[in-house]
Amino acid sequence: MTPNSERLVDLIFKKLQNYKNKKIFLEKEILNKFILSLFKEN
């Protein structure tokens, strides 16, 4: 994973963790796999 994509995953993860309106259960590793799968499809 490139440093830019890693930074993007970190930013998304932090934003979702701080989302107050709904409780979100998220593991960083799962988010990372999901984002990588999006990159691979294009």
N, C-alpha and C. Protein backbone atom coordinates (compact mmCIF):
# COMPACT_ATOMS: atom_id res chain seq x y z
N MET A 1 0.85 -1.17 0.00
CA MET A 1 0.00 0.00 0.00
C MET A 1 0.89 1.23 0.00
N THR A 2 0.52 2.20 -0.80
CA THR A 2 1.32 3.41 -0.88
C THR A 2 1.07 4.30 0.34
N PRO A 3 1.98 5.19 0.64
CA PRO A 3 1.78 6.08 1.78
C PRO A 3 0.52 6.95 1.65
N ASN A 4 0.22 7.36 0.42
CA ASN A 4 -0.98 8.19 0.23
C ASN A 4 -2.26 7.41 0.51
N SER A 5 -2.32 6.18 0.07
CA SER A 5 -3.51 5.38 0.33
C SER A 5 -3.62 5.02 1.81
N GLU A 6 -2.49 4.79 2.44
CA GLU A 6 -2.49 4.53 3.89
C GLU A 6 -3.00 5.75 4.65
N ARG A 7 -2.58 6.92 4.24
CA ARG A 7 -3.05 8.15 4.87
C ARG A 7 -4.55 8.34 4.66
N LEU A 8 -5.03 8.00 3.47
CA LEU A 8 -6.45 8.09 3.18
C LEU A 8 -7.25 7.15 4.08
N VAL A 9 -6.79 5.94 4.25
CA VAL A 9 -7.45 4.99 5.14
C VAL A 9 -7.48 5.52 6.56
N ASP A 10 -6.38 6.07 7.02
CA ASP A 10 -6.32 6.64 8.37
C ASP A 10 -7.32 7.78 8.55
N LEU A 11 -7.39 8.65 7.57
CA LEU A 11 -8.32 9.78 7.66
C LEU A 11 -9.77 9.31 7.69
N ILE A 12 -10.11 8.39 6.83
CA ILE A 12 -11.48 7.87 6.81
C ILE A 12 -11.81 7.16 8.11
N PHE A 13 -10.88 6.36 8.59
CA PHE A 13 -11.08 5.64 9.84
C PHE A 13 -11.33 6.60 11.00
N LYS A 14 -10.53 7.64 11.10
CA LYS A 14 -10.69 8.61 12.18
C LYS A 14 -12.01 9.35 12.09
N LYS A 15 -12.41 9.72 10.87
CA LYS A 15 -13.69 10.41 10.69
C LYS A 15 -14.86 9.53 11.10
N LEU A 16 -14.81 8.27 10.69
CA LEU A 16 -15.90 7.37 11.04
C LEU A 16 -15.94 7.06 12.53
N GLN A 17 -14.80 7.00 13.16
CA GLN A 17 -14.75 6.73 14.60
C GLN A 17 -15.33 7.90 15.40
N ASN A 18 -15.22 9.11 14.86
CA ASN A 18 -15.70 10.29 15.57
C ASN A 18 -17.13 10.68 15.20
N TYR A 19 -17.77 9.88 14.37
CA TYR A 19 -19.13 10.18 13.94
C TYR A 19 -20.09 9.92 15.09
N LYS A 20 -20.78 10.96 15.55
CA LYS A 20 -21.57 10.87 16.78
C LYS A 20 -23.02 10.45 16.57
N ASN A 21 -23.59 10.70 15.41
CA ASN A 21 -25.01 10.45 15.21
C ASN A 21 -25.38 8.97 15.25
N LYS A 22 -24.51 8.12 14.83
CA LYS A 22 -24.76 6.69 14.85
C LYS A 22 -23.52 5.98 15.37
N LYS A 23 -23.76 4.89 16.04
CA LYS A 23 -22.64 4.12 16.52
C LYS A 23 -22.12 3.25 15.39
N ILE A 24 -20.85 3.34 15.11
CA ILE A 24 -20.24 2.60 14.01
C ILE A 24 -19.17 1.68 14.58
N PHE A 25 -19.33 0.41 14.30
CA PHE A 25 -18.31 -0.55 14.69
C PHE A 25 -17.45 -0.82 13.46
N LEU A 26 -16.21 -0.50 13.55
CA LEU A 26 -15.34 -0.60 12.39
C LEU A 26 -13.94 -0.99 12.82
N GLU A 27 -13.40 -1.94 12.10
CA GLU A 27 -12.01 -2.30 12.32
C GLU A 27 -11.19 -1.75 11.18
N LYS A 28 -10.06 -1.21 11.52
CA LYS A 28 -9.22 -0.56 10.51
C LYS A 28 -8.79 -1.53 9.42
N GLU A 29 -8.52 -2.75 9.78
CA GLU A 29 -8.09 -3.74 8.81
C GLU A 29 -9.18 -4.02 7.77
N ILE A 30 -10.42 -4.10 8.21
CA ILE A 30 -11.54 -4.33 7.30
C ILE A 30 -11.72 -3.13 6.38
N LEU A 31 -11.62 -1.95 6.92
CA LEU A 31 -11.72 -0.73 6.10
C LEU A 31 -10.60 -0.71 5.07
N ASN A 32 -9.43 -1.07 5.47
CA ASN A 32 -8.28 -1.10 4.57
C ASN A 32 -8.53 -2.07 3.41
N LYS A 33 -9.04 -3.25 3.69
CA LYS A 33 -9.34 -4.23 2.64
C LYS A 33 -10.42 -3.71 1.70
N PHE A 34 -11.42 -3.06 2.26
CA PHE A 34 -12.50 -2.52 1.44
C PHE A 34 -11.98 -1.45 0.48
N ILE A 35 -11.19 -0.55 0.97
CA ILE A 35 -10.66 0.53 0.13
C ILE A 35 -9.73 -0.03 -0.94
N LEU A 36 -8.92 -1.01 -0.59
CA LEU A 36 -8.07 -1.65 -1.59
C LEU A 36 -8.89 -2.33 -2.68
N SER A 37 -9.99 -2.92 -2.29
CA SER A 37 -10.84 -3.57 -3.28
C SER A 37 -11.45 -2.53 -4.23
N LEU A 38 -11.74 -1.35 -3.72
CA LEU A 38 -12.25 -0.28 -4.59
C LEU A 38 -11.19 0.16 -5.59
N PHE A 39 -9.96 0.26 -5.14
CA PHE A 39 -8.87 0.64 -6.05
C PHE A 39 -8.65 -0.41 -7.12
N LYS A 40 -8.78 -1.67 -6.78
CA LYS A 40 -8.53 -2.75 -7.73
C LYS A 40 -9.61 -2.85 -8.80
N GLU A 41 -10.84 -2.46 -8.47
CA GLU A 41 -11.93 -2.56 -9.43
C GLU A 41 -11.78 -1.56 -10.56
N ASN A 42 -11.14 -0.45 -10.31
CA ASN A 42 -11.00 0.59 -11.34
C ASN A 42 -9.79 0.36 -12.10
